[in-house]
Amino acid sequence: MKITRLDDCPTLPIHMDGIKGASKQVPLGIADGVPNFSIRVFTLEPGGHTPHHSHESEHLNYILEGSGEVMEGDAPRAVAAGDYVLVKPNERHQYRNTGEVPLKFMCMVPKAYE
């Protein structure tokens, strides 16, 4: 068993095509011996975004702080703290911080996506 706090997890900036103003923390992941799923927490600075992409596995997301939008294909959908989001396999999506404060969300994925 592992018990941790997000404040104790390193914050790593993400540098890749299609990403702006994003960082990641991994409170539970491969390094902890997870058998199936990892939990990642992304923070998007105001104006920041993830890539507009799709992948073969679902993502289960929970908005922890802030507000913004998730692109469902090419259609923006508003999200705010307390919302859950299911991104289905092969569904094109993108998170965008359209607010004035950081947008922080938890993302549970198969550990291969960590």
Protein backbone atom coordinates (compact mmCIF):
# COMPACT_ATOMS: atom_id res chain seq x y z
CA MET A 1 0.00 0.00 0.00
CA LYS A 2 1.10 3.54 -0.67
CA ILE A 3 -0.42 6.72 0.75
CA THR A 4 0.84 10.01 -0.62
CA ARG A 5 -0.14 13.65 -1.05
CA LEU A 6 0.00 15.63 -4.25
CA ASP A 7 2.17 18.26 -2.52
CA ASP A 8 4.82 15.55 -2.03
CA CYS A 9 4.96 14.62 -5.74
CA PRO A 10 7.52 16.27 -8.04
CA THR A 11 6.10 18.70 -10.61
CA LEU A 12 7.59 18.21 -14.06
CA PRO A 13 7.10 20.64 -16.95
CA ILE A 14 5.88 19.00 -20.15
CA HIS A 15 7.69 19.89 -23.37
CA MET A 16 6.19 18.33 -26.48
CA ASP A 17 4.43 19.39 -29.66
CA GLY A 18 0.94 20.79 -29.12
CA ILE A 19 1.37 21.55 -25.40
CA LYS A 20 1.57 24.99 -23.84
CA GLY A 21 1.96 25.92 -20.16
CA ALA A 22 1.52 22.39 -18.79
CA SER A 23 3.08 20.41 -15.95
CA LYS A 24 2.49 16.89 -14.62
CA GLN A 25 2.64 15.06 -11.31
CA VAL A 26 2.25 11.29 -10.84
CA PRO A 27 0.98 10.47 -7.34
CA LEU A 28 0.45 6.77 -8.21
CA GLY A 29 2.26 5.20 -11.10
CA ILE A 30 4.63 2.58 -12.44
CA ALA A 31 7.34 3.49 -9.91
CA ASP A 32 4.86 2.61 -7.14
CA GLY A 33 4.10 -0.82 -8.59
CA VAL A 34 0.59 -0.07 -9.88
CA PRO A 35 -0.74 -3.23 -11.55
CA ASN A 36 -3.07 -1.60 -14.09
CA PHE A 37 -3.72 2.16 -13.83
CA SER A 38 -1.72 5.30 -13.11
CA ILE A 39 -3.05 8.54 -11.71
CA ARG A 40 -1.55 11.68 -13.17
CA VAL A 41 -2.36 15.28 -12.26
CA PHE A 42 -1.95 17.94 -14.92
CA THR A 43 -1.79 21.68 -14.29
CA LEU A 44 -2.44 24.08 -17.15
CA GLU A 45 -1.49 27.71 -16.64
CA PRO A 46 -3.94 30.37 -17.90
CA GLY A 47 -3.87 30.15 -21.70
CA GLY A 48 -2.26 26.70 -21.53
CA HIS A 49 -3.48 23.56 -23.26
CA THR A 50 -2.80 19.90 -23.94
CA PRO A 51 -2.37 18.61 -27.50
CA HIS A 52 -5.49 18.06 -29.63
CA HIS A 53 -5.18 14.30 -29.94
CA SER A 54 -6.70 10.86 -29.53
CA HIS A 55 -5.47 7.51 -28.23
CA GLU A 56 -6.60 3.90 -27.99
CA SER A 57 -7.57 3.91 -24.30
CA GLU A 58 -10.15 5.79 -22.29
CA HIS A 59 -9.09 8.51 -19.84
CA LEU A 60 -11.03 9.13 -16.63
CA ASN A 61 -10.64 12.75 -15.54
CA TYR A 62 -11.68 14.84 -12.53
CA ILE A 63 -11.31 18.62 -12.45
CA LEU A 64 -9.65 19.54 -9.16
CA GLU A 65 -9.27 23.32 -9.52
CA GLY A 66 -10.01 26.09 -11.97
CA SER A 67 -12.09 26.12 -15.12
CA GLY A 68 -11.66 25.82 -18.85
CA GLU A 69 -12.89 23.73 -21.69
CA VAL A 70 -12.41 20.29 -23.17
CA MET A 71 -12.58 19.98 -26.92
CA GLU A 72 -14.84 17.08 -27.86
CA GLY A 73 -13.58 16.72 -31.40
CA ASP A 74 -13.88 20.32 -32.60
CA ALA A 75 -16.62 21.35 -30.14
CA PRO A 76 -15.65 23.10 -26.87
CA ARG A 77 -17.34 21.87 -23.66
CA ALA A 78 -17.03 23.95 -20.47
CA VAL A 79 -15.53 22.29 -17.38
CA ALA A 80 -14.92 23.48 -13.83
CA ALA A 81 -13.77 22.15 -10.46
CA GLY A 82 -15.90 19.17 -9.44
CA ASP A 83 -16.62 17.92 -12.98
CA TYR A 84 -15.83 14.38 -14.13
CA VAL A 85 -14.91 13.77 -17.78
CA LEU A 86 -14.83 10.47 -19.65
CA VAL A 87 -12.68 10.60 -22.77
CA LYS A 88 -13.56 7.49 -24.76
CA PRO A 89 -11.04 5.46 -26.78
CA ASN A 90 -10.08 7.17 -30.06
CA GLU A 91 -12.06 10.31 -29.16
CA ARG A 92 -10.22 13.47 -30.29
CA HIS A 93 -9.88 15.84 -27.32
CA GLN A 94 -7.92 18.71 -25.84
CA TYR A 95 -7.94 20.47 -22.45
CA ARG A 96 -7.70 24.27 -22.54
CA ASN A 97 -7.39 26.67 -19.62
CA THR A 98 -9.62 29.61 -20.52
CA GLY A 99 -9.70 30.93 -16.95
CA GLU A 100 -7.59 33.32 -14.90
CA VAL A 101 -6.12 30.72 -12.50
CA PRO A 102 -4.42 27.34 -13.08
CA LEU A 103 -6.62 24.48 -14.29
CA LYS A 104 -5.71 21.30 -12.43
CA PHE A 105 -7.17 17.90 -13.29
CA MET A 106 -6.61 14.28 -12.36
CA CYS A 107 -6.29 11.76 -15.17
CA MET A 108 -6.47 8.01 -14.59
CA VAL A 109 -5.10 5.93 -17.46
CA PRO A 110 -3.65 2.47 -18.10
CA LYS A 111 -0.12 2.54 -16.77
CA ALA A 112 1.30 2.27 -20.31
CA TYR A 113 0.18 5.89 -20.87
CA GLU A 114 2.03 7.26 -17.86
